[in-house]
Amino acid sequence: MYKILISPILFLFDAERIHHFVCEVLHFAFKIPFMPQIIRAMYTYEHPSLVQEVAGLRFRNPVGLAAGFDKNAEMVDQLEALGFGYIEIGTVTPRPQPGNDKPRLFRLKKDKALINRMGFNNKGVQVAAAKLAKRKSKILVGGNIGKNKDTPNEQALSDYLICFRELFDVVDYFVVNVSSPNTPGLRDLQEKGPLTEILKELQAKNKERVNPKPIFLKIAPDLTTSQLDDIIDIVKETGIAGVIATNTTISREGLVTDKAEVAQIGAGGLSGAPLTHRSTEVIRYLCEQSNHAFPVIGVGGIATPGNALEKINAGAGLIQLYTGFIYEGPGVVSRICKALVRK
């Protein structure tokens, strides 16, 4: 019903506006007696074989919601009812920031893709921490952390440490985001020197805690082979938990959408079906070249059970959805989970 009736109507309107509308509808629905239970019964599929142990955490199923959908941790309880195994909130920054100018989120319907240049729009890490402290569900939550746009790269470490400190007691794992193409200069932090420094310092603070939290690194799909080799070395050297592969791409190769339309949209990260193959390549390379030395969470172009199985067969221990969730609707989570049980 979603693809036949609901999404054609939703897709008539501005993408960012519809996102907020859907979130408001979910919030409203959860205030109706018994509606949360009905939603959970419709969309949640559980099976013992779906339970996954990754980085010391126990996930009820391997299908998570990628960062970007619930930036301010306002929807965790509602999203839990849609069957996800875990939720990643953010990206959050130390201080609130509005993000880039609108419009900044665009659908490429022929490609089942999105282009976004949101720019880490969020209400600040303290707001997210307060929301998470009040959540009712027990679903695992990851905190995706970044730096403010006006923070120079030379001071970026301070921003990551602030987010780490503020979220530590309310998340189950962390994701260091240095791979978004929508904050000027951010991807420069993926270079070996600055990235190693950031991760080492975060790990040092992590080890000071009684119960350290797994720290993952989210990388871009546009890295070269030598840069991926550096990532493997960095993960081993710093001792972080693993890698999330991949973020959005700045490439526009292979799109069906008219080139003039794509050019008119302009800059931003591309996600969805066009990213499927490349993200799988990166996952496979990291797993094989590292001899499966650390967990890899696969994200990028997952919209079907087949896409999910490809990522897992390439070595991903967990997977995440975002654009596929938008195009396929909430039923995609249970469809993937059922396929994983049957495999």
C-alpha atoms as a PDB file:
ATOM      1  CA  MET A   1       0.000   0.000   0.000  1.00  0.00           C
ATOM      2  CA  TYR A   2       2.859   2.351   0.792  1.00  0.00           C
ATOM      3  CA  LYS A   3       4.367   2.287  -2.713  1.00  0.00           C
ATOM      4  CA  ILE A   4       1.021   2.260  -4.521  1.00  0.00           C
ATOM      5  CA  LEU A   5      -0.925   4.819  -2.519  1.00  0.00           C
ATOM      6  CA  ILE A   6       1.070   6.648   0.147  1.00  0.00           C
ATOM      7  CA  SER A   7       4.473   7.451  -1.362  1.00  0.00           C
ATOM      8  CA  PRO A   8       3.070   8.861  -4.652  1.00  0.00           C
ATOM      9  CA  ILE A   9       1.145  11.422  -2.588  1.00  0.00           C
ATOM     10  CA  LEU A  10       4.023  12.202  -0.237  1.00  0.00           C
ATOM     11  CA  PHE A  11       6.428  12.596  -3.146  1.00  0.00           C
ATOM     12  CA  LEU A  12       4.312  15.417  -4.564  1.00  0.00           C
ATOM     13  CA  PHE A  13       5.623  17.712  -1.837  1.00  0.00           C
ATOM     14  CA  ASP A  14       8.991  19.079  -0.735  1.00  0.00           C
ATOM     15  CA  ALA A  15      11.118  16.251   0.662  1.00  0.00           C
ATOM     16  CA  GLU A  16      12.208  17.947   3.878  1.00  0.00           C
ATOM     17  CA  ARG A  17       8.717  19.229   4.634  1.00  0.00           C
ATOM     18  CA  ILE A  18       7.252  15.754   4.171  1.00  0.00           C
ATOM     19  CA  HIS A  19       9.913  14.303   6.472  1.00  0.00           C
ATOM     20  CA  HIS A  20       8.772  16.604   9.275  1.00  0.00           C
ATOM     21  CA  PHE A  21       5.118  15.858   8.488  1.00  0.00           C
ATOM     22  CA  VAL A  22       5.645  12.102   8.751  1.00  0.00           C
ATOM     23  CA  CYS A  23       7.451  12.545  12.059  1.00  0.00           C
ATOM     24  CA  GLU A  24       4.553  14.606  13.398  1.00  0.00           C
ATOM     25  CA  VAL A  25       2.082  11.937  12.283  1.00  0.00           C
ATOM     26  CA  LEU A  26       4.046   9.253  14.109  1.00  0.00           C
ATOM     27  CA  HIS A  27       4.198  11.369  17.256  1.00  0.00           C
ATOM     28  CA  PHE A  28       0.428  11.897  17.077  1.00  0.00           C
ATOM     29  CA  ALA A  29      -0.252   8.200  16.429  1.00  0.00           C
ATOM     30  CA  PHE A  30       1.657   7.208  19.541  1.00  0.00           C
ATOM     31  CA  LYS A  31      -0.689   9.302  21.667  1.00  0.00           C
ATOM     32  CA  ILE A  32      -3.668   7.201  20.542  1.00  0.00           C
ATOM     33  CA  PRO A  33      -4.475   4.324  22.932  1.00  0.00           C
ATOM     34  CA  PHE A  34      -3.166   0.941  21.720  1.00  0.00           C
ATOM     35  CA  MET A  35      -1.753   2.456  18.506  1.00  0.00           C
ATOM     36  CA  PRO A  36       1.891   1.799  19.476  1.00  0.00           C
ATOM     37  CA  GLN A  37       1.048  -1.870  20.022  1.00  0.00           C
ATOM     38  CA  ILE A  38      -0.786  -2.063  16.695  1.00  0.00           C
ATOM     39  CA  ILE A  39       2.131  -0.474  14.827  1.00  0.00           C
ATOM     40  CA  ARG A  40       4.590  -2.801  16.524  1.00  0.00           C
ATOM     41  CA  ALA A  41       2.488  -5.848  15.648  1.00  0.00           C
ATOM     42  CA  MET A  42       2.317  -4.734  12.007  1.00  0.00           C
ATOM     43  CA  TYR A  43       5.993  -4.021  11.457  1.00  0.00           C
ATOM     44  CA  THR A  44       8.110  -5.891  13.995  1.00  0.00           C
ATOM     45  CA  TYR A  45       9.409  -9.361  13.145  1.00  0.00           C
ATOM     46  CA  GLU A  46      11.443 -11.253  15.722  1.00  0.00           C
ATOM     47  CA  HIS A  47      13.346 -14.522  15.455  1.00  0.00           C
ATOM     48  CA  PRO A  48      16.207 -15.946  17.529  1.00  0.00           C
ATOM     49  CA  SER A  49      18.456 -16.234  14.465  1.00  0.00           C
ATOM     50  CA  LEU A  50      18.232 -12.483  13.884  1.00  0.00           C
ATOM     51  CA  VAL A  51      19.948 -11.629  17.157  1.00  0.00           C
ATOM     52  CA  GLN A  52      23.490 -10.407  16.516  1.00  0.00           C
ATOM     53  CA  GLU A  53      26.449  -9.834  18.843  1.00  0.00           C
ATOM     54  CA  VAL A  54      28.646  -7.062  17.452  1.00  0.00           C
ATOM     55  CA  ALA A  55      31.299  -5.064  19.327  1.00  0.00           C
ATOM     56  CA  GLY A  56      30.048  -6.473  22.598  1.00  0.00           C
ATOM     57  CA  LEU A  57      26.477  -5.315  22.000  1.00  0.00           C
ATOM     58  CA  ARG A  58      23.433  -7.522  21.514  1.00  0.00           C
ATOM     59  CA  PHE A  59      21.227  -6.365  18.621  1.00  0.00           C
ATOM     60  CA  ARG A  60      17.713  -7.806  18.339  1.00  0.00           C
ATOM     61  CA  ASN A  61      18.159  -7.845  14.568  1.00  0.00           C
ATOM     62  CA  PRO A  62      20.857  -6.538  12.215  1.00  0.00           C
ATOM     63  CA  VAL A  63      18.711  -3.902  10.445  1.00  0.00           C
ATOM     64  CA  GLY A  64      19.284  -0.407  11.790  1.00  0.00           C
ATOM     65  CA  LEU A  65      18.189   3.089  10.858  1.00  0.00           C
ATOM     66  CA  ALA A  66      21.104   5.194   9.653  1.00  0.00           C
ATOM     67  CA  ALA A  67      21.918   8.618  11.037  1.00  0.00           C
ATOM     68  CA  GLY A  68      20.202  11.581   9.441  1.00  0.00           C
ATOM     69  CA  PHE A  69      16.595  10.533   9.878  1.00  0.00           C
ATOM     70  CA  ASP A  70      16.331  11.292  13.596  1.00  0.00           C
ATOM     71  CA  LYS A  71      18.922  13.997  14.037  1.00  0.00           C
ATOM     72  CA  ASN A  72      17.747  15.198  17.447  1.00  0.00           C
ATOM     73  CA  ALA A  73      16.739  11.860  19.011  1.00  0.00           C
ATOM     74  CA  GLU A  74      13.084  12.829  18.977  1.00  0.00           C
ATOM     75  CA  MET A  75      11.711   9.646  17.382  1.00  0.00           C
ATOM     76  CA  VAL A  76      13.507   6.723  19.010  1.00  0.00           C
ATOM     77  CA  ASP A  77      10.457   5.168  20.654  1.00  0.00           C
ATOM     78  CA  GLN A  78       8.333   5.537  17.525  1.00  0.00           C
ATOM     79  CA  LEU A  79      11.028   4.137  15.232  1.00  0.00           C
ATOM     80  CA  GLU A  80      11.616   1.192  17.559  1.00  0.00           C
ATOM     81  CA  ALA A  81       8.025   0.116  16.892  1.00  0.00           C
ATOM     82  CA  LEU A  82       8.761  -0.088  13.151  1.00  0.00           C
ATOM     83  CA  GLY A  83      10.986  -3.100  13.736  1.00  0.00           C
ATOM     84  CA  PHE A  84      14.507  -1.715  13.567  1.00  0.00           C
ATOM     85  CA  GLY A  85      17.199  -3.555  15.475  1.00  0.00           C
ATOM     86  CA  TYR A  86      18.891  -0.307  16.460  1.00  0.00           C
ATOM     87  CA  ILE A  87      18.652   3.443  15.815  1.00  0.00           C
ATOM     88  CA  GLU A  88      21.477   5.839  15.051  1.00  0.00           C
ATOM     89  CA  ILE A  89      20.725   9.442  15.975  1.00  0.00           C
ATOM     90  CA  GLY A  90      22.457  12.580  14.715  1.00  0.00           C
ATOM     91  CA  THR A  91      24.689  13.771  13.345  1.00  0.00           C
ATOM     92  CA  VAL A  92      24.821  16.029  16.405  1.00  0.00           C
ATOM     93  CA  THR A  93      27.234  18.883  17.005  1.00  0.00           C
ATOM     94  CA  PRO A  94      28.219  20.638  20.245  1.00  0.00           C
ATOM     95  CA  ARG A  95      26.199  23.759  19.461  1.00  0.00           C
ATOM     96  CA  PRO A  96      22.876  24.014  17.611  1.00  0.00           C
ATOM     97  CA  GLN A  97      23.153  24.967  13.954  1.00  0.00           C
ATOM     98  CA  PRO A  98      20.559  25.545  11.235  1.00  0.00           C
ATOM     99  CA  GLY A  99      22.422  23.731   8.480  1.00  0.00           C
ATOM    100  CA  ASN A 100      22.642  24.850   4.888  1.00  0.00           C
ATOM    101  CA  ASP A 101      20.119  26.989   3.053  1.00  0.00           C
ATOM    102  CA  LYS A 102      16.879  25.399   1.846  1.00  0.00           C
ATOM    103  CA  PRO A 103      15.979  23.614  -0.349  1.00  0.00           C
ATOM    104  CA  ARG A 104      18.594  21.063   0.628  1.00  0.00           C
ATOM    105  CA  LEU A 105      16.953  17.655   0.198  1.00  0.00           C
ATOM    106  CA  PHE A 106      15.986  16.365  -3.246  1.00  0.00           C
ATOM    107  CA  ARG A 107      14.495  13.166  -4.638  1.00  0.00           C
ATOM    108  CA  LEU A 108      15.778  11.507  -7.788  1.00  0.00           C
ATOM    109  CA  LYS A 109      12.766   9.236  -8.215  1.00  0.00           C
ATOM    110  CA  LYS A 110      13.959   7.560 -11.419  1.00  0.00           C
ATOM    111  CA  ASP A 111      17.111   6.497  -9.582  1.00  0.00           C
ATOM    112  CA  LYS A 112      15.451   5.746  -6.228  1.00  0.00           C
ATOM    113  CA  ALA A 113      17.961   8.151  -4.772  1.00  0.00           C
ATOM    114  CA  LEU A 114      18.278  11.308  -2.694  1.00  0.00           C
ATOM    115  CA  ILE A 115      20.661  14.222  -2.841  1.00  0.00           C
ATOM    116  CA  ASN A 116      21.082  16.108   0.401  1.00  0.00           C
ATOM    117  CA  ARG A 117      23.175  19.005   1.555  1.00  0.00           C
ATOM    118  CA  MET A 118      21.624  19.355   4.989  1.00  0.00           C
ATOM    119  CA  GLY A 119      24.842  20.453   6.665  1.00  0.00           C
ATOM    120  CA  PHE A 120      24.482  18.856  10.117  1.00  0.00           C
ATOM    121  CA  ASN A 121      21.325  20.781  10.972  1.00  0.00           C
ATOM    122  CA  ASN A 122      20.510  19.884  14.590  1.00  0.00           C
ATOM    123  CA  LYS A 123      19.501  21.357  17.931  1.00  0.00           C
ATOM    124  CA  GLY A 124      22.820  20.622  19.614  1.00  0.00           C
ATOM    125  CA  VAL A 125      24.135  17.666  21.563  1.00  0.00           C
ATOM    126  CA  GLN A 126      22.559  18.670  24.883  1.00  0.00           C
ATOM    127  CA  VAL A 127      19.061  18.561  23.395  1.00  0.00           C
ATOM    128  CA  ALA A 128      19.689  15.098  21.949  1.00  0.00           C
ATOM    129  CA  ALA A 129      21.096  13.866  25.259  1.00  0.00           C
ATOM    130  CA  ALA A 130      18.051  15.137  27.144  1.00  0.00           C
ATOM    131  CA  LYS A 131      15.689  13.418  24.703  1.00  0.00           C
ATOM    132  CA  LEU A 132      17.525  10.114  24.980  1.00  0.00           C
ATOM    133  CA  ALA A 133      17.480  10.272  28.765  1.00  0.00           C
ATOM    134  CA  LYS A 134      13.661  10.300  28.626  1.00  0.00           C
ATOM    135  CA  ARG A 135      13.115   7.554  26.052  1.00  0.00           C
ATOM    136  CA  LYS A 136      11.035   4.551  27.074  1.00  0.00           C
ATOM    137  CA  SER A 137      12.204   1.815  24.698  1.00  0.00           C
ATOM    138  CA  LYS A 138      15.268  -0.337  25.324  1.00  0.00           C
ATOM    139  CA  ILE A 139      16.412  -0.416  21.690  1.00  0.00           C
ATOM    140  CA  LEU A 140      20.142   0.095  21.157  1.00  0.00           C
ATOM    141  CA  VAL A 141      21.012   3.661  20.128  1.00  0.00           C
ATOM    142  CA  GLY A 142      24.132   4.953  18.421  1.00  0.00           C
ATOM    143  CA  GLY A 143      25.291   8.540  18.681  1.00  0.00           C
ATOM    144  CA  ASN A 144      26.648   9.963  15.428  1.00  0.00           C
ATOM    145  CA  ILE A 145      28.876  12.940  16.283  1.00  0.00           C
ATOM    146  CA  GLY A 146      30.381  15.738  14.211  1.00  0.00           C
ATOM    147  CA  LYS A 147      31.853  19.207  14.411  1.00  0.00           C
ATOM    148  CA  ASN A 148      30.160  22.567  14.033  1.00  0.00           C
ATOM    149  CA  LYS A 149      30.533  24.220  10.638  1.00  0.00           C
ATOM    150  CA  ASP A 150      32.387  27.221  12.057  1.00  0.00           C
ATOM    151  CA  THR A 151      34.850  25.119  14.053  1.00  0.00           C
ATOM    152  CA  PRO A 152      38.237  25.068  12.258  1.00  0.00           C
ATOM    153  CA  ASN A 153      39.569  21.616  11.487  1.00  0.00           C
ATOM    154  CA  GLU A 154      42.493  22.320  13.803  1.00  0.00           C
ATOM    155  CA  GLN A 155      39.987  22.495  16.677  1.00  0.00           C
ATOM    156  CA  ALA A 156      37.673  19.709  15.506  1.00  0.00           C
ATOM    157  CA  LEU A 157      38.893  17.303  18.190  1.00  0.00           C
ATOM    158  CA  SER A 158      37.375  19.532  20.861  1.00  0.00           C
ATOM    159  CA  ASP A 159      33.931  19.291  19.214  1.00  0.00           C
ATOM    160  CA  TYR A 160      34.086  15.494  19.023  1.00  0.00           C
ATOM    161  CA  LEU A 161      35.154  15.265  22.667  1.00  0.00           C
ATOM    162  CA  ILE A 162      32.273  17.505  23.770  1.00  0.00           C
ATOM    163  CA  CYS A 163      29.733  15.337  21.941  1.00  0.00           C
ATOM    164  CA  PHE A 164      31.325  12.197  23.325  1.00  0.00           C
ATOM    165  CA  ARG A 165      31.102  13.483  26.884  1.00  0.00           C
ATOM    166  CA  GLU A 166      27.509  14.720  26.609  1.00  0.00           C
ATOM    167  CA  LEU A 167      26.159  11.541  25.002  1.00  0.00           C
ATOM    168  CA  PHE A 168      28.181   8.923  26.841  1.00  0.00           C
ATOM    169  CA  ASP A 169      25.549   7.993  29.416  1.00  0.00           C
ATOM    170  CA  VAL A 170      22.631   7.836  26.963  1.00  0.00           C
ATOM    171  CA  VAL A 171      23.947   5.965  23.891  1.00  0.00           C
ATOM    172  CA  ASP A 172      25.211   2.434  23.372  1.00  0.00           C
ATOM    173  CA  TYR A 173      27.860   3.196  20.757  1.00  0.00           C
ATOM    174  CA  PHE A 174      29.418   6.168  18.974  1.00  0.00           C
ATOM    175  CA  VAL A 175      30.004   6.990  15.330  1.00  0.00           C
ATOM    176  CA  VAL A 176      32.636   9.527  14.355  1.00  0.00           C
ATOM    177  CA  ASN A 177      31.425  11.317  11.229  1.00  0.00           C
ATOM    178  CA  VAL A 178      34.233  12.869   9.212  1.00  0.00           C
ATOM    179  CA  SER A 179      32.793  11.823   5.866  1.00  0.00           C
ATOM    180  CA  SER A 180      29.794  14.064   5.169  1.00  0.00           C
ATOM    181  CA  PRO A 181      30.334  16.128   1.990  1.00  0.00           C
ATOM    182  CA  ASN A 182      28.058  18.912   3.262  1.00  0.00           C
ATOM    183  CA  THR A 183      30.306  20.568   5.865  1.00  0.00           C
ATOM    184  CA  PRO A 184      33.167  22.438   4.166  1.00  0.00           C
ATOM    185  CA  GLY A 185      36.538  20.806   4.816  1.00  0.00           C
ATOM    186  CA  LEU A 186      35.128  17.987   6.955  1.00  0.00           C
ATOM    187  CA  ARG A 187      36.354  15.216   4.673  1.00  0.00           C
ATOM    188  CA  ASP A 188      39.905  16.506   5.078  1.00  0.00           C
ATOM    189  CA  LEU A 189      39.722  14.954   8.548  1.00  0.00           C
ATOM    190  CA  GLN A 190      39.685  11.515   6.887  1.00  0.00           C
ATOM    191  CA  GLU A 191      43.388  11.919   6.160  1.00  0.00           C
ATOM    192  CA  LYS A 192      45.560   9.621   8.234  1.00  0.00           C
ATOM    193  CA  GLY A 193      47.155  12.216  10.523  1.00  0.00           C
ATOM    194  CA  PRO A 194      44.147  14.178  11.796  1.00  0.00           C
ATOM    195  CA  LEU A 195      41.890  11.117  11.849  1.00  0.00           C
ATOM    196  CA  THR A 196      44.336   9.102  13.934  1.00  0.00           C
ATOM    197  CA  GLU A 197      44.621  11.962  16.419  1.00  0.00           C
ATOM    198  CA  ILE A 198      40.846  12.310  16.805  1.00  0.00           C
ATOM    199  CA  LEU A 199      40.259   8.590  17.259  1.00  0.00           C
ATOM    200  CA  LYS A 200      43.177   8.125  19.659  1.00  0.00           C
ATOM    201  CA  GLU A 201      41.965  10.942  21.889  1.00  0.00           C
ATOM    202  CA  LEU A 202      38.395   9.645  21.860  1.00  0.00           C
ATOM    203  CA  GLN A 203      39.613   6.177  22.731  1.00  0.00           C
ATOM    204  CA  ALA A 204      41.741   7.570  25.560  1.00  0.00           C
ATOM    205  CA  LYS A 205      38.677   9.260  27.050  1.00  0.00           C
ATOM    206  CA  ASN A 206      36.664   6.122  26.403  1.00  0.00           C
ATOM    207  CA  LYS A 207      39.092   3.928  28.344  1.00  0.00           C
ATOM    208  CA  GLU A 208      38.864   6.245  31.342  1.00  0.00           C
ATOM    209  CA  ARG A 209      35.242   5.160  31.750  1.00  0.00           C
ATOM    210  CA  VAL A 210      34.148   2.155  33.785  1.00  0.00           C
ATOM    211  CA  ASN A 211      32.220   0.739  30.824  1.00  0.00           C
ATOM    212  CA  PRO A 212      33.751   1.973  27.548  1.00  0.00           C
ATOM    213  CA  LYS A 213      31.451   2.286  24.549  1.00  0.00           C
ATOM    214  CA  PRO A 214      32.223   0.952  21.058  1.00  0.00           C
ATOM    215  CA  ILE A 215      33.398   3.698  18.709  1.00  0.00           C
ATOM    216  CA  PHE A 216      32.851   3.310  14.963  1.00  0.00           C
ATOM    217  CA  LEU A 217      34.201   5.420  12.121  1.00  0.00           C
ATOM    218  CA  LYS A 218      31.905   6.353   9.247  1.00  0.00           C
ATOM    219  CA  ILE A 219      33.743   6.664   5.947  1.00  0.00           C
ATOM    220  CA  ALA A 220      32.970   8.017   2.488  1.00  0.00           C
ATOM    221  CA  PRO A 221      32.500   5.740  -0.525  1.00  0.00           C
ATOM    222  CA  ASP A 222      34.792   7.986  -2.547  1.00  0.00           C
ATOM    223  CA  LEU A 223      38.013   6.911  -0.822  1.00  0.00           C
ATOM    224  CA  THR A 224      40.769   5.417  -2.946  1.00  0.00           C
ATOM    225  CA  THR A 225      42.219   1.969  -2.348  1.00  0.00           C
ATOM    226  CA  SER A 226      45.243   3.452  -0.602  1.00  0.00           C
ATOM    227  CA  GLN A 227      42.986   5.536   1.623  1.00  0.00           C
ATOM    228  CA  LEU A 228      40.992   2.431   2.534  1.00  0.00           C
ATOM    229  CA  ASP A 229      44.278   0.748   3.420  1.00  0.00           C
ATOM    230  CA  ASP A 230      44.972   3.717   5.700  1.00  0.00           C
ATOM    231  CA  ILE A 231      41.558   3.272   7.306  1.00  0.00           C
ATOM    232  CA  ILE A 232      42.369  -0.364   8.093  1.00  0.00           C
ATOM    233  CA  ASP A 233      45.673   0.694   9.667  1.00  0.00           C
ATOM    234  CA  ILE A 234      43.986   3.460  11.667  1.00  0.00           C
ATOM    235  CA  VAL A 235      41.289   1.159  13.050  1.00  0.00           C
ATOM    236  CA  LYS A 236      43.923  -1.332  14.171  1.00  0.00           C
ATOM    237  CA  GLU A 237      46.223   1.343  15.597  1.00  0.00           C
ATOM    238  CA  THR A 238      43.560   3.212  17.553  1.00  0.00           C
ATOM    239  CA  GLY A 239      41.627   0.148  18.667  1.00  0.00           C
ATOM    240  CA  ILE A 240      38.210   1.524  17.786  1.00  0.00           C
ATOM    241  CA  ALA A 241      35.384  -0.973  17.348  1.00  0.00           C
ATOM    242  CA  GLY A 242      34.962  -0.839  13.575  1.00  0.00           C
ATOM    243  CA  VAL A 243      33.781   0.998  10.478  1.00  0.00           C
ATOM    244  CA  ILE A 244      30.466   2.095   9.005  1.00  0.00           C
ATOM    245  CA  ALA A 245      30.668   1.907   5.215  1.00  0.00           C
ATOM    246  CA  THR A 246      29.513   4.113   3.657  1.00  0.00           C
ATOM    247  CA  ASN A 247      28.289   7.693   3.826  1.00  0.00           C
ATOM    248  CA  THR A 248      26.851   9.489   0.786  1.00  0.00           C
ATOM    249  CA  THR A 249      28.867  10.017  -2.396  1.00  0.00           C
ATOM    250  CA  ILE A 250      29.760  13.147  -4.338  1.00  0.00           C
ATOM    251  CA  SER A 251      29.779  11.097  -7.552  1.00  0.00           C
ATOM    252  CA  ARG A 252      26.984  11.481 -10.086  1.00  0.00           C
ATOM    253  CA  GLU A 253      27.988   8.602 -12.352  1.00  0.00           C
ATOM    254  CA  GLY A 254      25.403   6.249 -13.799  1.00  0.00           C
ATOM    255  CA  LEU A 255      22.283   8.257 -12.956  1.00  0.00           C
ATOM    256  CA  VAL A 256      19.116   7.845 -15.018  1.00  0.00           C
ATOM    257  CA  THR A 257      17.805  11.268 -14.014  1.00  0.00           C
ATOM    258  CA  ASP A 258      18.374  13.925 -16.659  1.00  0.00           C
ATOM    259  CA  LYS A 259      21.801  15.546 -16.308  1.00  0.00           C
ATOM    260  CA  ALA A 260      20.316  19.026 -16.471  1.00  0.00           C
ATOM    261  CA  GLU A 261      18.030  18.262 -13.527  1.00  0.00           C
ATOM    262  CA  VAL A 262      20.924  16.861 -11.519  1.00  0.00           C
ATOM    263  CA  ALA A 263      23.058  19.889 -12.359  1.00  0.00           C
ATOM    264  CA  GLN A 264      20.271  22.225 -11.274  1.00  0.00           C
ATOM    265  CA  ILE A 265      20.098  20.500  -7.876  1.00  0.00           C
ATOM    266  CA  GLY A 266      23.790  21.160  -7.399  1.00  0.00           C
ATOM    267  CA  ALA A 267      26.079  20.026  -4.599  1.00  0.00           C
ATOM    268  CA  GLY A 268      25.244  17.422  -1.997  1.00  0.00           C
ATOM    269  CA  GLY A 269      25.683  13.802  -1.039  1.00  0.00           C
ATOM    270  CA  LEU A 270      23.979  11.179  -3.187  1.00  0.00           C
ATOM    271  CA  SER A 271      22.377   8.195  -1.468  1.00  0.00           C
ATOM    272  CA  GLY A 272      20.161   5.322  -2.494  1.00  0.00           C
ATOM    273  CA  ALA A 273      20.282   2.766  -5.299  1.00  0.00           C
ATOM    274  CA  PRO A 274      23.190   4.350  -7.252  1.00  0.00           C
ATOM    275  CA  LEU A 275      25.394   3.778  -4.211  1.00  0.00           C
ATOM    276  CA  THR A 276      24.579   0.085  -3.798  1.00  0.00           C
ATOM    277  CA  HIS A 277      27.489  -1.383  -5.749  1.00  0.00           C
ATOM    278  CA  ARG A 278      30.194   0.959  -4.509  1.00  0.00           C
ATOM    279  CA  SER A 279      29.299   0.618  -0.843  1.00  0.00           C
ATOM    280  CA  THR A 280      29.364  -3.174  -1.195  1.00  0.00           C
ATOM    281  CA  GLU A 281      32.788  -2.928  -2.843  1.00  0.00           C
ATOM    282  CA  VAL A 282      34.107  -0.913   0.088  1.00  0.00           C
ATOM    283  CA  ILE A 283      32.655  -3.350   2.619  1.00  0.00           C
ATOM    284  CA  ARG A 284      34.179  -6.330   0.844  1.00  0.00           C
ATOM    285  CA  TYR A 285      37.565  -4.641   0.519  1.00  0.00           C
ATOM    286  CA  LEU A 286      37.736  -3.659   4.190  1.00  0.00           C
ATOM    287  CA  CYS A 287      36.710  -7.128   5.350  1.00  0.00           C
ATOM    288  CA  GLU A 288      39.023  -9.060   3.053  1.00  0.00           C
ATOM    289  CA  GLN A 289      42.075  -6.815   3.375  1.00  0.00           C
ATOM    290  CA  SER A 290      41.792  -6.679   7.168  1.00  0.00           C
ATOM    291  CA  ASN A 291      41.088 -10.416   7.368  1.00  0.00           C
ATOM    292  CA  HIS A 292      37.855  -9.530   9.171  1.00  0.00           C
ATOM    293  CA  ALA A 293      39.825  -7.926  11.998  1.00  0.00           C
ATOM    294  CA  PHE A 294      36.954  -5.624  12.987  1.00  0.00           C
ATOM    295  CA  PRO A 295      33.197  -5.320  12.420  1.00  0.00           C
ATOM    296  CA  VAL A 296      31.883  -3.423   9.404  1.00  0.00           C
ATOM    297  CA  ILE A 297      28.369  -1.985   9.371  1.00  0.00           C
ATOM    298  CA  GLY A 298      27.036  -1.794   5.824  1.00  0.00           C
ATOM    299  CA  VAL A 299      24.952   1.116   4.574  1.00  0.00           C
ATOM    300  CA  GLY A 300      24.317   2.496   1.122  1.00  0.00           C
ATOM    301  CA  GLY A 301      21.625   1.565  -1.374  1.00  0.00           C
ATOM    302  CA  ILE A 302      19.847  -1.063   0.713  1.00  0.00           C
ATOM    303  CA  ALA A 303      16.194  -1.180  -0.352  1.00  0.00           C
ATOM    304  CA  THR A 304      15.449  -4.897  -0.789  1.00  0.00           C
ATOM    305  CA  PRO A 305      16.224  -8.169   0.980  1.00  0.00           C
ATOM    306  CA  GLY A 306      18.614  -8.905  -1.876  1.00  0.00           C
ATOM    307  CA  ASN A 307      20.555  -5.696  -1.236  1.00  0.00           C
ATOM    308  CA  ALA A 308      20.778  -6.577   2.444  1.00  0.00           C
ATOM    309  CA  LEU A 309      22.059 -10.088   1.730  1.00  0.00           C
ATOM    310  CA  GLU A 310      24.702  -8.687  -0.628  1.00  0.00           C
ATOM    311  CA  LYS A 311      26.068  -6.473   2.130  1.00  0.00           C
ATOM    312  CA  ILE A 312      26.084  -9.303   4.651  1.00  0.00           C
ATOM    313  CA  ASN A 313      27.704 -11.700   2.174  1.00  0.00           C
ATOM    314  CA  ALA A 314      30.366  -9.044   1.555  1.00  0.00           C
ATOM    315  CA  GLY A 315      31.174  -9.153   5.270  1.00  0.00           C
ATOM    316  CA  ALA A 316      28.888  -6.660   6.986  1.00  0.00           C
ATOM    317  CA  GLY A 317      27.900  -7.722  10.488  1.00  0.00           C
ATOM    318  CA  LEU A 318      25.037  -5.229  10.617  1.00  0.00           C
ATOM    319  CA  ILE A 319      23.294  -3.056   8.033  1.00  0.00           C
ATOM    320  CA  GLN A 320      21.540   0.319   8.020  1.00  0.00           C
ATOM    321  CA  LEU A 321      18.773   1.861   5.937  1.00  0.00           C
ATOM    322  CA  TYR A 322      17.830   5.432   5.130  1.00  0.00           C
ATOM    323  CA  THR A 323      16.954   6.163   1.506  1.00  0.00           C
ATOM    324  CA  GLY A 324      15.602   2.649   0.994  1.00  0.00           C
ATOM    325  CA  PHE A 325      13.331   3.222   3.985  1.00  0.00           C
ATOM    326  CA  ILE A 326      11.999   6.392   2.324  1.00  0.00           C
ATOM    327  CA  TYR A 327      11.292   4.707  -1.013  1.00  0.00           C
ATOM    328  CA  GLU A 328      10.107   1.299   0.224  1.00  0.00           C
ATOM    329  CA  GLY A 329       8.272   2.285   3.384  1.00  0.00           C
ATOM    330  CA  PRO A 330       8.316   0.825   6.911  1.00  0.00           C
ATOM    331  CA  GLY A 331       7.501  -2.694   5.743  1.00  0.00           C
ATOM    332  CA  VAL A 332      10.991  -3.043   4.279  1.00  0.00           C
ATOM    333  CA  VAL A 333      12.487  -3.772   7.708  1.00  0.00           C
ATOM    334  CA  SER A 334      10.388  -6.881   8.361  1.00  0.00           C
ATOM    335  CA  ARG A 335      10.810  -8.028   4.740  1.00  0.00           C
ATOM    336  CA  ILE A 336      14.577  -7.935   5.138  1.00  0.00           C
ATOM    337  CA  CYS A 337      14.440  -9.671   8.524  1.00  0.00           C
ATOM    338  CA  LYS A 338      12.273 -12.474   7.146  1.00  0.00           C
ATOM    339  CA  ALA A 339      14.649 -12.955   4.216  1.00  0.00           C
ATOM    340  CA  LEU A 340      17.606 -13.185   6.590  1.00  0.00           C
ATOM    341  CA  VAL A 341      15.847 -15.905   8.548  1.00  0.00           C
ATOM    342  CA  ARG A 342      15.126 -17.864   5.356  1.00  0.00           C
ATOM    343  CA  LYS A 343      18.651 -17.619   3.922  1.00  0.00           C
END
